[in-house]
Amino acid sequence: MIHSLSGGQLKINKNFDFAKVEILEGESASLSFWFISPFKDLKEGQIVVVPLGRENKEVRGKVLRIDRNVNEQNGPFPVKRMKKIINILD
């Protein structure tokens, strides 16, 4: 039986902008990670500040790719485990 017909609710999925960022400093320099972008004006090539590691250390990174308005189910990584870009530097 379909869950919504048995009294439950279907989850409404959200859309996000995902950015692939290459880390520019520290032990993780040259590695790339996916982040959620709260900035609609973010562009590829921009330098951003992102949280990294368990301590959420703020490091600089370069935006390599942006996937805009992607449903959370189709994201590059589970949204619950992703961190957000903190700031745009240039």
Protein backbone atom coordinates (compact mmCIF):
# COMPACT_ATOMS: atom_id res chain seq x y z
CA MET A 1 0.00 0.00 0.00
CA ILE A 2 1.24 3.50 -0.78
CA HIS A 3 2.40 5.21 2.39
CA SER A 4 0.44 8.44 1.80
CA LEU A 5 -2.79 6.48 1.38
CA SER A 6 -2.33 4.77 4.73
CA GLY A 7 -2.32 8.03 6.67
CA GLY A 8 1.36 8.95 6.39
CA GLN A 9 2.88 11.95 4.69
CA LEU A 10 5.17 12.07 1.72
CA LYS A 11 8.38 13.97 2.28
CA ILE A 12 8.65 17.18 0.29
CA ASN A 13 12.18 17.38 -1.08
CA LYS A 14 14.05 20.67 -1.31
CA ASN A 15 16.32 21.93 -4.03
CA PHE A 16 19.85 23.18 -3.35
CA ASP A 17 22.83 24.69 -5.12
CA PHE A 18 25.86 22.41 -4.76
CA ALA A 19 29.42 23.63 -5.25
CA LYS A 20 32.53 21.52 -5.71
CA VAL A 21 35.40 23.34 -3.97
CA GLU A 22 39.14 22.70 -4.20
CA ILE A 23 40.85 23.38 -0.87
CA LEU A 24 43.74 25.85 -1.22
CA GLU A 25 45.47 25.60 2.16
CA GLY A 26 46.39 23.23 4.98
CA GLU A 27 46.74 19.45 4.98
CA SER A 28 43.82 19.05 2.59
CA ALA A 29 45.23 21.42 -0.06
CA SER A 30 44.39 20.31 -3.61
CA LEU A 31 41.60 17.98 -2.43
CA SER A 32 38.05 18.82 -3.48
CA PHE A 33 34.79 18.48 -1.58
CA TRP A 34 31.11 19.25 -2.21
CA PHE A 35 29.36 21.99 -0.22
CA ILE A 36 25.88 23.50 -0.18
CA SER A 37 25.93 27.06 -1.49
CA PRO A 38 23.56 29.54 0.20
CA PHE A 39 24.77 32.19 -2.29
CA LYS A 40 22.76 32.56 -5.52
CA ASP A 41 25.46 34.78 -7.08
CA LEU A 42 28.31 32.27 -6.61
CA LYS A 43 30.41 31.69 -9.75
CA GLU A 44 32.99 29.13 -10.80
CA GLY A 45 36.54 30.30 -10.09
CA GLN A 46 35.62 32.38 -7.04
CA ILE A 47 37.52 32.02 -3.78
CA VAL A 48 35.33 31.02 -0.81
CA VAL A 49 35.66 30.18 2.88
CA VAL A 50 34.46 26.70 3.84
CA PRO A 51 34.37 24.67 7.08
CA LEU A 52 36.64 21.65 7.02
CA GLY A 53 37.07 18.66 9.31
CA ARG A 54 35.44 17.81 12.61
CA GLU A 55 36.53 21.13 14.08
CA ASN A 56 35.03 23.02 11.12
CA LYS A 57 38.27 24.92 10.62
CA GLU A 58 37.69 27.77 8.18
CA VAL A 59 39.88 27.42 5.08
CA ARG A 60 39.99 29.03 1.66
CA GLY A 61 38.93 27.15 -1.43
CA LYS A 62 38.29 27.70 -5.13
CA VAL A 63 34.91 26.87 -6.68
CA LEU A 64 35.44 24.32 -9.45
CA ARG A 65 31.83 23.54 -10.36
CA ILE A 66 28.29 24.59 -9.42
CA ASP A 67 25.18 22.44 -9.83
CA ARG A 68 22.16 24.72 -9.37
CA ASN A 69 18.64 23.93 -8.22
CA VAL A 70 19.26 20.21 -7.72
CA ASN A 71 16.77 18.09 -5.81
CA GLU A 72 18.29 16.83 -2.56
CA GLN A 73 17.69 13.23 -3.65
CA ASN A 74 19.90 13.77 -6.70
CA GLY A 75 22.68 15.66 -4.93
CA PRO A 76 26.33 14.58 -5.13
CA PHE A 77 26.34 13.66 -1.42
CA PRO A 78 23.66 13.23 1.28
CA VAL A 79 22.43 16.70 2.27
CA LYS A 80 22.34 15.78 5.98
CA ARG A 81 26.11 15.30 5.93
CA MET A 82 27.06 18.32 3.84
CA LYS A 83 28.40 21.62 5.13
CA LYS A 84 27.64 25.08 3.77
CA ILE A 85 29.98 27.63 2.23
CA ILE A 86 30.60 30.34 4.81
CA ASN A 87 31.58 33.33 2.69
CA ILE A 88 32.69 34.50 -0.76
CA LEU A 89 36.07 36.30 -0.74
CA ASP A 90 36.21 37.63 -4.30
